[in-house]
PDB file of N, CA and C in Angstrom:
ATOM      1  N   MET A   1      18.894   1.354  -4.307  1.00  0.00           N
ATOM      2  CA  MET A   1      19.630   1.647  -3.105  1.00  0.00           C
ATOM      3  C   MET A   1      20.774   2.260  -3.701  1.00  0.00           C
ATOM      4  N   ILE A   2      20.750   2.857  -2.639  1.00  0.00           N
ATOM      5  CA  ILE A   2      22.470   3.516  -2.937  1.00  0.00           C
ATOM      6  C   ILE A   2      23.919   1.820  -2.747  1.00  0.00           C
ATOM      7  N   GLU A   3      24.605   2.338  -3.247  1.00  0.00           N
ATOM      8  CA  GLU A   3      25.163   1.771  -2.914  1.00  0.00           C
ATOM      9  C   GLU A   3      26.261   1.975  -1.456  1.00  0.00           C
ATOM     10  N   GLY A   4      26.515   0.378  -0.759  1.00  0.00           N
ATOM     11  CA  GLY A   4      27.038   1.243   0.240  1.00  0.00           C
ATOM     12  C   GLY A   4      26.905  -0.078   1.056  1.00  0.00           C
ATOM     13  N   ASP A   5      26.979  -0.029   2.566  1.00  0.00           N
ATOM     14  CA  ASP A   5      26.862  -0.660   3.435  1.00  0.00           C
ATOM     15  C   ASP A   5      25.612  -1.579   3.697  1.00  0.00           C
ATOM     16  N   GLY A   6      24.484  -1.572   3.287  1.00  0.00           N
ATOM     17  CA  GLY A   6      23.522  -2.624   2.966  1.00  0.00           C
ATOM     18  C   GLY A   6      22.484  -2.587   4.025  1.00  0.00           C
ATOM     19  N   LYS A   7      22.537  -1.107   4.252  1.00  0.00           N
ATOM     20  CA  LYS A   7      21.336  -0.702   4.921  1.00  0.00           C
ATOM     21  C   LYS A   7      20.558   0.235   4.163  1.00  0.00           C
ATOM     22  N   MET A   8      18.919  -0.039   4.573  1.00  0.00           N
ATOM     23  CA  MET A   8      18.251   1.115   4.051  1.00  0.00           C
ATOM     24  C   MET A   8      18.334   2.003   4.999  1.00  0.00           C
ATOM     25  N   LYS A   9      18.206   3.247   4.403  1.00  0.00           N
ATOM     26  CA  LYS A   9      18.493   4.361   5.083  1.00  0.00           C
ATOM     27  C   LYS A   9      17.488   5.497   5.226  1.00  0.00           C
ATOM     28  N   ILE A  10      16.760   5.473   5.894  1.00  0.00           N
ATOM     29  CA  ILE A  10      15.204   6.219   5.780  1.00  0.00           C
ATOM     30  C   ILE A  10      15.320   7.515   6.794  1.00  0.00           C
ATOM     31  N   GLY A  11      14.189   8.659   5.815  1.00  0.00           N
ATOM     32  CA  GLY A  11      13.680   9.796   6.181  1.00  0.00           C
ATOM     33  C   GLY A  11      12.526   9.502   6.165  1.00  0.00           C
ATOM     34  N   LEU A  12      11.729  10.190   7.591  1.00  0.00           N
ATOM     35  CA  LEU A  12      10.328   9.997   7.852  1.00  0.00           C
ATOM     36  C   LEU A  12       9.697  11.477   7.726  1.00  0.00           C
ATOM     37  N   ILE A  13       9.098  11.280   6.899  1.00  0.00           N
ATOM     38  CA  ILE A  13       8.285  13.049   7.186  1.00  0.00           C
ATOM     39  C   ILE A  13       6.614  12.454   7.652  1.00  0.00           C
ATOM     40  N   ARG A  14       6.377  13.654   8.274  1.00  0.00           N
ATOM     41  CA  ARG A  14       5.209  13.318   9.166  1.00  0.00           C
ATOM     42  C   ARG A  14       4.540  14.433   9.385  1.00  0.00           C
ATOM     43  N   CYS A  15       2.911  14.482   9.467  1.00  0.00           N
ATOM     44  CA  CYS A  15       2.101  15.446   9.371  1.00  0.00           C
ATOM     45  C   CYS A  15       2.530  16.536  10.555  1.00  0.00           C
ATOM     46  N   LEU A  16       2.649  17.553  10.121  1.00  0.00           N
ATOM     47  CA  LEU A  16       2.730  18.854  11.293  1.00  0.00           C
ATOM     48  C   LEU A  16       1.048  18.616  12.550  1.00  0.00           C
ATOM     49  N   GLN A  17       0.740  18.639  11.431  1.00  0.00           N
ATOM     50  CA  GLN A  17      -1.133  18.835  12.303  1.00  0.00           C
ATOM     51  C   GLN A  17      -1.393  17.274  13.407  1.00  0.00           C
ATOM     52  N   THR A  18      -0.248  16.316  13.081  1.00  0.00           N
ATOM     53  CA  THR A  18      -0.668  15.573  14.095  1.00  0.00           C
ATOM     54  C   THR A  18       0.586  15.615  15.155  1.00  0.00           C
ATOM     55  N   GLU A  19       1.550  16.131  15.051  1.00  0.00           N
ATOM     56  CA  GLU A  19       2.802  16.197  15.852  1.00  0.00           C
ATOM     57  C   GLU A  19       2.018  16.378  17.478  1.00  0.00           C
ATOM     58  N   ASP A  20       1.342  16.738  17.452  1.00  0.00           N
ATOM     59  CA  ASP A  20       1.362  17.013  19.183  1.00  0.00           C
ATOM     60  C   ASP A  20      -0.167  15.558  19.875  1.00  0.00           C
ATOM     61  N   MET A  21      -0.451  14.797  18.869  1.00  0.00           N
ATOM     62  CA  MET A  21      -1.410  14.085  19.290  1.00  0.00           C
ATOM     63  C   MET A  21      -0.301  12.436  19.395  1.00  0.00           C
ATOM     64  N   CYS A  22       0.746  12.549  18.449  1.00  0.00           N
ATOM     65  CA  CYS A  22       1.436  11.299  18.184  1.00  0.00           C
ATOM     66  C   CYS A  22       3.270  11.114  18.404  1.00  0.00           C
ATOM     67  N   GLY A  23       3.273  10.755  19.111  1.00  0.00           N
ATOM     68  CA  GLY A  23       5.005  10.498  19.172  1.00  0.00           C
ATOM     69  C   GLY A  23       5.648   9.477  18.071  1.00  0.00           C
ATOM     70  N   THR A  24       5.382   9.315  17.223  1.00  0.00           N
ATOM     71  CA  THR A  24       5.794   8.430  16.152  1.00  0.00           C
ATOM     72  C   THR A  24       5.811   6.945  16.770  1.00  0.00           C
ATOM     73  N   THR A  25       5.233   6.447  17.432  1.00  0.00           N
ATOM     74  CA  THR A  25       5.657   5.050  17.914  1.00  0.00           C
ATOM     75  C   THR A  25       5.036   4.164  17.578  1.00  0.00           C
ATOM     76  N   LEU A  26       4.167   4.304  16.579  1.00  0.00           N
ATOM     77  CA  LEU A  26       3.755   3.318  15.546  1.00  0.00           C
ATOM     78  C   LEU A  26       4.718   3.062  14.552  1.00  0.00           C
ATOM     79  N   CYS A  27       5.159   4.043  13.823  1.00  0.00           N
ATOM     80  CA  CYS A  27       6.180   4.362  12.819  1.00  0.00           C
ATOM     81  C   CYS A  27       7.490   3.702  13.124  1.00  0.00           C
ATOM     82  N   LEU A  28       8.377   4.126  14.596  1.00  0.00           N
ATOM     83  CA  LEU A  28       9.388   3.503  15.040  1.00  0.00           C
ATOM     84  C   LEU A  28       9.138   2.059  14.983  1.00  0.00           C
ATOM     85  N   LYS A  29       7.837   1.574  15.957  1.00  0.00           N
ATOM     86  CA  LYS A  29       8.006   0.449  15.808  1.00  0.00           C
ATOM     87  C   LYS A  29       7.596  -0.303  14.524  1.00  0.00           C
ATOM     88  N   ALA A  30       6.944   0.174  13.484  1.00  0.00           N
ATOM     89  CA  ALA A  30       7.142  -0.600  12.118  1.00  0.00           C
ATOM     90  C   ALA A  30       8.735  -0.699  11.523  1.00  0.00           C
ATOM     91  N   ILE A  31       9.390   0.819  11.756  1.00  0.00           N
ATOM     92  CA  ILE A  31      10.628   0.213  11.626  1.00  0.00           C
ATOM     93  C   ILE A  31      11.509  -0.975  12.091  1.00  0.00           C
ATOM     94  N   LYS A  32      11.495  -0.671  13.551  1.00  0.00           N
ATOM     95  CA  LYS A  32      12.303  -1.180  13.927  1.00  0.00           C
ATOM     96  C   LYS A  32      11.926  -3.082  13.896  1.00  0.00           C
ATOM     97  N   GLU A  33      10.721  -3.329  13.911  1.00  0.00           N
ATOM     98  CA  GLU A  33      10.033  -4.864  13.639  1.00  0.00           C
ATOM     99  C   GLU A  33       9.796  -5.137  12.350  1.00  0.00           C
ATOM    100  N   HIS A  34      10.226  -4.209  12.030  1.00  0.00           N
ATOM    101  CA  HIS A  34       9.931  -4.382  10.198  1.00  0.00           C
ATOM    102  C   HIS A  34       8.679  -4.954   9.716  1.00  0.00           C
ATOM    103  N   MET A  35       7.603  -3.931  10.332  1.00  0.00           N
ATOM    104  CA  MET A  35       6.113  -4.270   9.843  1.00  0.00           C
ATOM    105  C   MET A  35       5.443  -3.158   9.152  1.00  0.00           C
ATOM    106  N   GLY A  36       4.238  -3.178   8.529  1.00  0.00           N
ATOM    107  CA  GLY A  36       3.918  -2.758   7.791  1.00  0.00           C
ATOM    108  C   GLY A  36       4.599  -2.023   6.353  1.00  0.00           C
ATOM    109  N   ALA A  37       4.781  -0.977   5.993  1.00  0.00           N
ATOM    110  CA  ALA A  37       5.595  -0.912   4.993  1.00  0.00           C
ATOM    111  C   ALA A  37       6.658  -1.516   4.586  1.00  0.00           C
ATOM    112  N   PHE A  38       7.641  -2.144   5.806  1.00  0.00           N
ATOM    113  CA  PHE A  38       8.634  -2.435   6.069  1.00  0.00           C
ATOM    114  C   PHE A  38       9.058  -3.601   6.287  1.00  0.00           C
ATOM    115  N   GLN A  39       7.338  -4.564   5.839  1.00  0.00           N
ATOM    116  CA  GLN A  39       7.798  -6.201   6.283  1.00  0.00           C
ATOM    117  C   GLN A  39       8.379  -6.891   4.861  1.00  0.00           C
ATOM    118  N   ASP A  40       8.862  -6.330   3.716  1.00  0.00           N
ATOM    119  CA  ASP A  40       9.158  -6.847   3.064  1.00  0.00           C
ATOM    120  C   ASP A  40      10.372  -6.749   2.803  1.00  0.00           C
ATOM    121  N   ILE A  41      11.029  -5.849   3.927  1.00  0.00           N
ATOM    122  CA  ILE A  41      12.605  -5.113   3.447  1.00  0.00           C
ATOM    123  C   ILE A  41      13.615  -6.028   4.393  1.00  0.00           C
ATOM    124  N   GLN A  42      14.618  -6.769   3.613  1.00  0.00           N
ATOM    125  CA  GLN A  42      15.608  -7.578   4.223  1.00  0.00           C
ATOM    126  C   GLN A  42      16.391  -6.704   4.682  1.00  0.00           C
ATOM    127  N   GLU A  43      17.201  -5.588   4.664  1.00  0.00           N
ATOM    128  CA  GLU A  43      18.265  -5.535   4.641  1.00  0.00           C
ATOM    129  C   GLU A  43      18.185  -4.598   6.013  1.00  0.00           C
ATOM    130  N   GLU A  44      19.057  -4.215   6.692  1.00  0.00           N
ATOM    131  CA  GLU A  44      18.953  -3.558   8.224  1.00  0.00           C
ATOM    132  C   GLU A  44      18.115  -1.956   7.694  1.00  0.00           C
ATOM    133  N   ILE A  45      17.393  -1.265   8.394  1.00  0.00           N
ATOM    134  CA  ILE A  45      16.870  -0.064   8.096  1.00  0.00           C
ATOM    135  C   ILE A  45      17.204   0.756   9.374  1.00  0.00           C
ATOM    136  N   GLU A  46      17.575   1.876   9.043  1.00  0.00           N
ATOM    137  CA  GLU A  46      18.624   2.840   9.683  1.00  0.00           C
ATOM    138  C   GLU A  46      17.634   4.317   9.635  1.00  0.00           C
ATOM    139  N   LEU A  47      16.952   4.413  10.770  1.00  0.00           N
ATOM    140  CA  LEU A  47      16.460   5.649  10.625  1.00  0.00           C
ATOM    141  C   LEU A  47      17.173   6.993  10.757  1.00  0.00           C
ATOM    142  N   MET A  48      17.613   7.938   9.788  1.00  0.00           N
ATOM    143  CA  MET A  48      18.649   8.724   9.589  1.00  0.00           C
ATOM    144  C   MET A  48      17.738  10.399   9.900  1.00  0.00           C
ATOM    145  N   ASN A  49      16.381  10.331   9.972  1.00  0.00           N
ATOM    146  CA  ASN A  49      16.145  11.398   9.995  1.00  0.00           C
ATOM    147  C   ASN A  49      14.194  11.433  10.348  1.00  0.00           C
ATOM    148  N   ILE A  50      14.135  12.402  11.309  1.00  0.00           N
ATOM    149  CA  ILE A  50      12.240  12.598  11.111  1.00  0.00           C
ATOM    150  C   ILE A  50      12.084  13.972  10.669  1.00  0.00           C
ATOM    151  N   ASN A  51      11.157  14.415  10.032  1.00  0.00           N
ATOM    152  CA  ASN A  51      10.770  15.745  10.120  1.00  0.00           C
ATOM    153  C   ASN A  51       9.445  15.821  10.005  1.00  0.00           C
ATOM    154  N   THR A  52       8.701  16.962  10.130  1.00  0.00           N
ATOM    155  CA  THR A  52       7.206  17.340   9.301  1.00  0.00           C
ATOM    156  C   THR A  52       7.336  17.620   7.906  1.00  0.00           C
ATOM    157  N   CYS A  53       6.219  18.143   7.366  1.00  0.00           N
ATOM    158  CA  CYS A  53       5.396  18.270   6.386  1.00  0.00           C
ATOM    159  C   CYS A  53       5.755  19.556   5.989  1.00  0.00           C
ATOM    160  N   GLY A  54       5.862  20.550   7.527  1.00  0.00           N
ATOM    161  CA  GLY A  54       5.745  21.912   7.290  1.00  0.00           C
ATOM    162  C   GLY A  54       4.736  22.437   7.415  1.00  0.00           C
ATOM    163  N   GLY A  55       3.460  21.757   7.533  1.00  0.00           N
ATOM    164  CA  GLY A  55       1.892  22.154   7.764  1.00  0.00           C
ATOM    165  C   GLY A  55       1.573  22.047   6.108  1.00  0.00           C
ATOM    166  N   CYS A  56       0.202  22.501   6.346  1.00  0.00           N
ATOM    167  CA  CYS A  56      -0.787  22.716   5.006  1.00  0.00           C
ATOM    168  C   CYS A  56      -0.156  23.610   4.071  1.00  0.00           C
ATOM    169  N   PRO A  57      -0.211  23.521   2.548  1.00  0.00           N
ATOM    170  CA  PRO A  57      -0.683  22.372   2.443  1.00  0.00           C
ATOM    171  C   PRO A  57       0.724  21.377   1.949  1.00  0.00           C
ATOM    172  N   GLY A  58       1.710  21.268   3.001  1.00  0.00           N
ATOM    173  CA  GLY A  58       3.016  20.409   2.811  1.00  0.00           C
ATOM    174  C   GLY A  58       3.588  20.408   1.753  1.00  0.00           C
ATOM    175  N   LYS A  59       4.295  22.062   1.384  1.00  0.00           N
ATOM    176  CA  LYS A  59       5.690  22.390   0.521  1.00  0.00           C
ATOM    177  C   LYS A  59       6.376  22.150   0.748  1.00  0.00           C
ATOM    178  N   LYS A  60       6.345  22.155   1.995  1.00  0.00           N
ATOM    179  CA  LYS A  60       8.482  21.599   2.920  1.00  0.00           C
ATOM    180  C   LYS A  60       8.540  20.454   3.003  1.00  0.00           C
ATOM    181  N   ALA A  61       7.720  19.399   2.356  1.00  0.00           N
ATOM    182  CA  ALA A  61       7.633  18.142   2.148  1.00  0.00           C
ATOM    183  C   ALA A  61       9.044  17.707   1.612  1.00  0.00           C
ATOM    184  N   ILE A  62       9.252  18.298   0.349  1.00  0.00           N
ATOM    185  CA  ILE A  62       9.808  18.222  -0.919  1.00  0.00           C
ATOM    186  C   ILE A  62      11.239  18.275  -0.726  1.00  0.00           C
ATOM    187  N   THR A  63      11.114  20.256  -0.120  1.00  0.00           N
ATOM    188  CA  THR A  63      12.463  20.345   0.384  1.00  0.00           C
ATOM    189  C   THR A  63      13.215  19.729   1.064  1.00  0.00           C
ATOM    190  N   ARG A  64      12.275  19.341   2.062  1.00  0.00           N
ATOM    191  CA  ARG A  64      13.088  18.201   3.347  1.00  0.00           C
ATOM    192  C   ARG A  64      13.264  17.007   2.985  1.00  0.00           C
ATOM    193  N   ALA A  65      12.276  16.654   2.052  1.00  0.00           N
ATOM    194  CA  ALA A  65      12.820  15.296   1.287  1.00  0.00           C
ATOM    195  C   ALA A  65      14.000  15.291   0.543  1.00  0.00           C
ATOM    196  N   GLU A  66      14.444  16.311  -0.185  1.00  0.00           N
ATOM    197  CA  GLU A  66      15.339  16.541  -0.677  1.00  0.00           C
ATOM    198  C   GLU A  66      17.226  16.727  -0.076  1.00  0.00           C
ATOM    199  N   ASN A  67      16.705  17.374   0.737  1.00  0.00           N
ATOM    200  CA  ASN A  67      17.935  17.371   2.252  1.00  0.00           C
ATOM    201  C   ASN A  67      18.028  16.237   2.574  1.00  0.00           C
ATOM    202  N   MET A  68      16.958  15.520   2.905  1.00  0.00           N
ATOM    203  CA  MET A  68      17.415  13.842   3.716  1.00  0.00           C
ATOM    204  C   MET A  68      18.289  13.118   2.779  1.00  0.00           C
ATOM    205  N   VAL A  69      17.926  13.310   1.493  1.00  0.00           N
ATOM    206  CA  VAL A  69      18.829  12.741   0.322  1.00  0.00           C
ATOM    207  C   VAL A  69      20.200  12.902   0.470  1.00  0.00           C
ATOM    208  N   LYS A  70      19.791  14.260   0.217  1.00  0.00           N
ATOM    209  CA  LYS A  70      21.896  15.164   0.334  1.00  0.00           C
ATOM    210  C   LYS A  70      22.307  14.984   1.749  1.00  0.00           C
ATOM    211  N   ASN A  71      22.128  14.255   3.064  1.00  0.00           N
ATOM    212  CA  ASN A  71      22.722  13.872   3.896  1.00  0.00           C
ATOM    213  C   ASN A  71      22.479  12.445   4.127  1.00  0.00           C
ATOM    214  N   GLY A  72      22.090  11.268   3.018  1.00  0.00           N
ATOM    215  CA  GLY A  72      22.311  10.051   3.045  1.00  0.00           C
ATOM    216  C   GLY A  72      21.022   9.276   2.685  1.00  0.00           C
ATOM    217  N   CYS A  73      20.260   9.988   2.768  1.00  0.00           N
ATOM    218  CA  CYS A  73      18.750   9.078   2.894  1.00  0.00           C
ATOM    219  C   CYS A  73      18.803   8.633   1.858  1.00  0.00           C
ATOM    220  N   ASP A  74      18.127   6.939   1.279  1.00  0.00           N
ATOM    221  CA  ASP A  74      18.278   6.452   0.079  1.00  0.00           C
ATOM    222  C   ASP A  74      16.375   5.926   0.174  1.00  0.00           C
ATOM    223  N   THR A  75      15.954   6.271   1.129  1.00  0.00           N
ATOM    224  CA  THR A  75      14.083   5.715   0.967  1.00  0.00           C
ATOM    225  C   THR A  75      13.823   7.109   1.858  1.00  0.00           C
ATOM    226  N   ILE A  76      12.486   7.460   1.316  1.00  0.00           N
ATOM    227  CA  ILE A  76      11.511   8.798   1.924  1.00  0.00           C
ATOM    228  C   ILE A  76      10.611   8.073   2.257  1.00  0.00           C
ATOM    229  N   VAL A  77      10.073   8.324   3.417  1.00  0.00           N
ATOM    230  CA  VAL A  77       9.010   7.387   3.881  1.00  0.00           C
ATOM    231  C   VAL A  77       8.030   8.736   4.409  1.00  0.00           C
ATOM    232  N   LEU A  78       6.459   9.113   3.779  1.00  0.00           N
ATOM    233  CA  LEU A  78       5.408   9.173   3.991  1.00  0.00           C
ATOM    234  C   LEU A  78       4.799   8.757   5.019  1.00  0.00           C
ATOM    235  N   SER A  79       4.617   9.159   6.458  1.00  0.00           N
ATOM    236  CA  SER A  79       3.661   8.528   7.452  1.00  0.00           C
ATOM    237  C   SER A  79       2.465   8.263   7.194  1.00  0.00           C
ATOM    238  N   SER A  80       1.816   7.224   8.171  1.00  0.00           N
ATOM    239  CA  SER A  80       0.656   6.995   7.599  1.00  0.00           C
ATOM    240  C   SER A  80      -0.067   8.178   8.158  1.00  0.00           C
ATOM    241  N   CYS A  81       0.352   8.890   9.221  1.00  0.00           N
ATOM    242  CA  CYS A  81      -0.558  10.187   9.139  1.00  0.00           C
ATOM    243  C   CYS A  81      -0.956  11.020   8.288  1.00  0.00           C
ATOM    244  N   ILE A  82       0.378  11.194   7.082  1.00  0.00           N
ATOM    245  CA  ILE A  82      -0.050  11.684   5.999  1.00  0.00           C
ATOM    246  C   ILE A  82      -1.065  11.335   4.849  1.00  0.00           C
ATOM    247  N   THR A  83      -0.657  10.040   4.618  1.00  0.00           N
ATOM    248  CA  THR A  83      -1.385   9.324   3.580  1.00  0.00           C
ATOM    249  C   THR A  83      -2.362   8.688   4.187  1.00  0.00           C
ATOM    250  N   GLN A  84      -2.844   7.849   5.290  1.00  0.00           N
ATOM    251  CA  GLN A  84      -3.777   6.737   5.384  1.00  0.00           C
ATOM    252  C   GLN A  84      -4.694   8.328   7.098  1.00  0.00           C
ATOM    253  N   GLY A  85      -4.224   9.197   7.283  1.00  0.00           N
ATOM    254  CA  GLY A  85      -5.007   9.845   8.037  1.00  0.00           C
ATOM    255  C   GLY A  85      -4.781   9.369   9.793  1.00  0.00           C
ATOM    256  N   SER A  86      -3.825   9.085  10.235  1.00  0.00           N
ATOM    257  CA  SER A  86      -4.255   7.910  11.245  1.00  0.00           C
ATOM    258  C   SER A  86      -3.379   9.273  12.069  1.00  0.00           C
ATOM    259  N   PRO A  87      -3.672   9.723  13.038  1.00  0.00           N
ATOM    260  CA  PRO A  87      -4.535   9.265  14.211  1.00  0.00           C
ATOM    261  C   PRO A  87      -5.688  10.414  13.877  1.00  0.00           C
ATOM    262  N   ILE A  88      -5.672  11.294  13.226  1.00  0.00           N
ATOM    263  CA  ILE A  88      -6.540  12.337  13.389  1.00  0.00           C
ATOM    264  C   ILE A  88      -8.143  11.933  12.297  1.00  0.00           C
ATOM    265  N   GLY A  89      -7.972  10.779  11.930  1.00  0.00           N
ATOM    266  CA  GLY A  89      -9.276  10.632  10.812  1.00  0.00           C
ATOM    267  C   GLY A  89      -9.385  10.582   9.723  1.00  0.00           C
ATOM    268  N   PHE A  90      -8.097  11.910   9.110  1.00  0.00           N
ATOM    269  CA  PHE A  90      -8.276  11.990   7.516  1.00  0.00           C
ATOM    270  C   PHE A  90      -6.996  12.517   7.319  1.00  0.00           C
ATOM    271  N   PRO A  91      -6.805  11.525   5.851  1.00  0.00           N
ATOM    272  CA  PRO A  91      -5.220  11.804   5.433  1.00  0.00           C
ATOM    273  C   PRO A  91      -5.024  13.172   4.714  1.00  0.00           C
ATOM    274  N   CYS A  92      -4.008  13.604   4.237  1.00  0.00           N
ATOM    275  CA  CYS A  92      -3.637  15.046   4.038  1.00  0.00           C
ATOM    276  C   CYS A  92      -4.438  14.871   2.855  1.00  0.00           C
ATOM    277  N   PRO A  93      -4.774  16.119   1.990  1.00  0.00           N
ATOM    278  CA  PRO A  93      -5.353  16.537   0.856  1.00  0.00           C
ATOM    279  C   PRO A  93      -4.329  16.749   0.110  1.00  0.00           C
ATOM    280  N   ASN A  94      -3.480  16.519   0.181  1.00  0.00           N
ATOM    281  CA  ASN A  94      -2.192  16.396  -0.756  1.00  0.00           C
ATOM    282  C   ASN A  94      -1.188  15.139  -0.791  1.00  0.00           C
ATOM    283  N   LYS A  95      -2.129  13.961  -0.207  1.00  0.00           N
ATOM    284  CA  LYS A  95      -1.489  13.292  -0.026  1.00  0.00           C
ATOM    285  C   LYS A  95      -1.036  12.019  -1.020  1.00  0.00           C
ATOM    286  N   ASP A  96      -2.055  12.517  -2.229  1.00  0.00           N
ATOM    287  CA  ASP A  96      -1.715  11.719  -3.771  1.00  0.00           C
ATOM    288  C   ASP A  96      -0.380  12.389  -4.676  1.00  0.00           C
ATOM    289  N   ARG A  97      -0.040  13.580  -4.346  1.00  0.00           N
ATOM    290  CA  ARG A  97       0.519  14.954  -5.053  1.00  0.00           C
ATOM    291  C   ARG A  97       1.936  14.501  -4.957  1.00  0.00           C
ATOM    292  N   MET A  98       2.029  14.395  -3.349  1.00  0.00           N
ATOM    293  CA  MET A  98       3.347  14.339  -2.737  1.00  0.00           C
ATOM    294  C   MET A  98       4.062  13.266  -3.360  1.00  0.00           C
ATOM    295  N   PRO A  99       3.877  12.512  -3.467  1.00  0.00           N
ATOM    296  CA  PRO A  99       4.698  10.903  -4.178  1.00  0.00           C
ATOM    297  C   PRO A  99       5.327  11.087  -5.439  1.00  0.00           C
ATOM    298  N   SER A 100       4.055  11.794  -6.077  1.00  0.00           N
ATOM    299  CA  SER A 100       4.314  12.017  -7.405  1.00  0.00           C
ATOM    300  C   SER A 100       5.481  13.397  -7.725  1.00  0.00           C
ATOM    301  N   VAL A 101       5.202  14.734  -7.098  1.00  0.00           N
ATOM    302  CA  VAL A 101       5.700  15.487  -7.005  1.00  0.00           C
ATOM    303  C   VAL A 101       7.544  14.788  -5.929  1.00  0.00           C
ATOM    304  N   LEU A 102       7.719  14.386  -5.002  1.00  0.00           N
ATOM    305  CA  LEU A 102       8.817  14.058  -5.085  1.00  0.00           C
ATOM    306  C   LEU A 102       9.926  12.972  -5.968  1.00  0.00           C
ATOM    307  N   ARG A 103       8.708  12.092  -6.544  1.00  0.00           N
ATOM    308  CA  ARG A 103       9.327  11.511  -8.054  1.00  0.00           C
ATOM    309  C   ARG A 103      10.209  12.114  -8.955  1.00  0.00           C
ATOM    310  N   LYS A 104       9.364  13.097  -9.057  1.00  0.00           N
ATOM    311  CA  LYS A 104      10.057  14.229 -10.156  1.00  0.00           C
ATOM    312  C   LYS A 104      11.470  15.071  -9.831  1.00  0.00           C
ATOM    313  N   ARG A 105      11.309  14.690  -8.629  1.00  0.00           N
ATOM    314  CA  ARG A 105      12.552  15.991  -7.854  1.00  0.00           C
ATOM    315  C   ARG A 105      13.791  15.166  -7.347  1.00  0.00           C
ATOM    316  N   LEU A 106      13.121  13.954  -6.866  1.00  0.00           N
ATOM    317  CA  LEU A 106      14.602  12.875  -6.220  1.00  0.00           C
ATOM    318  C   LEU A 106      14.939  12.192  -7.342  1.00  0.00           C
ATOM    319  N   ARG A 107      16.320  11.699  -7.255  1.00  0.00           N
ATOM    320  CA  ARG A 107      16.799  10.586  -8.355  1.00  0.00           C
ATOM    321  C   ARG A 107      16.676   9.690  -8.122  1.00  0.00           C
ATOM    322  N   ASP A 108      16.418   8.925  -9.170  1.00  0.00           N
ATOM    323  CA  ASP A 108      15.511   7.594  -9.255  1.00  0.00           C
ATOM    324  C   ASP A 108      16.108   6.185  -8.966  1.00  0.00           C
ATOM    325  N   ASP A 109      17.335   6.307  -7.898  1.00  0.00           N
ATOM    326  CA  ASP A 109      17.653   5.122  -7.277  1.00  0.00           C
ATOM    327  C   ASP A 109      16.997   5.859  -5.469  1.00  0.00           C
ATOM    328  N   ILE A 110      15.695   6.818  -5.454  1.00  0.00           N
ATOM    329  CA  ILE A 110      15.487   6.698  -3.953  1.00  0.00           C
ATOM    330  C   ILE A 110      14.233   6.358  -4.193  1.00  0.00           C
ATOM    331  N   ARG A 111      13.715   5.624  -2.933  1.00  0.00           N
ATOM    332  CA  ARG A 111      12.773   4.464  -3.134  1.00  0.00           C
ATOM    333  C   ARG A 111      12.012   5.367  -2.213  1.00  0.00           C
ATOM    334  N   ILE A 112      10.631   5.785  -2.243  1.00  0.00           N
ATOM    335  CA  ILE A 112       9.802   6.258  -1.796  1.00  0.00           C
ATOM    336  C   ILE A 112       8.591   5.512  -1.365  1.00  0.00           C
ATOM    337  N   LEU A 113       7.978   5.494   0.023  1.00  0.00           N
ATOM    338  CA  LEU A 113       7.401   4.514   0.502  1.00  0.00           C
ATOM    339  C   LEU A 113       6.092   5.656   1.168  1.00  0.00           C
ATOM    340  N   THR A 114       4.430   4.708   0.320  1.00  0.00           N
ATOM    341  CA  THR A 114       3.626   6.174   1.166  1.00  0.00           C
ATOM    342  C   THR A 114       2.687   5.177   1.990  1.00  0.00           C
ATOM    343  N   TYR A 115       3.555   5.091   2.858  1.00  0.00           N
ATOM    344  CA  TYR A 115       2.880   4.709   4.109  1.00  0.00           C
ATOM    345  C   TYR A 115       3.579   4.089   5.274  1.00  0.00           C
ATOM    346  N   SER A 116       3.535   4.159   6.623  1.00  0.00           N
ATOM    347  CA  SER A 116       4.728   3.656   7.537  1.00  0.00           C
ATOM    348  C   SER A 116       3.877   2.466   8.552  1.00  0.00           C
ATOM    349  N   HIS A 117       3.040   2.695   9.023  1.00  0.00           N
ATOM    350  CA  HIS A 117       2.447   1.408   9.471  1.00  0.00           C
ATOM    351  C   HIS A 117       0.875   1.040   9.211  1.00  0.00           C
TER     352      HIS A 117
END
């Protein structure tokens, strides 16, 4: 974690294809109530940025994550719509590639969570 105020500062990346049917309600609830991917997080969580992957094939997710980190995020969350297919019933075909590319492009101290709720 980046040294600082003891908060987990997250950037949430969501699927563009689900944007019109999902208001991010479950992701926000998971963050607020420390559920799902956040259940073992002891520190306070600050949501700093929400953006989409940019649409298929999700290439903009990498640049957007880099910008989130540049602007202070220490954790990038690939939301459940990307990695688990919620609510449309199928995950992104690039769900396994995105975290590995992020890991290569971001600093080692940046956390990457591969789901939200």
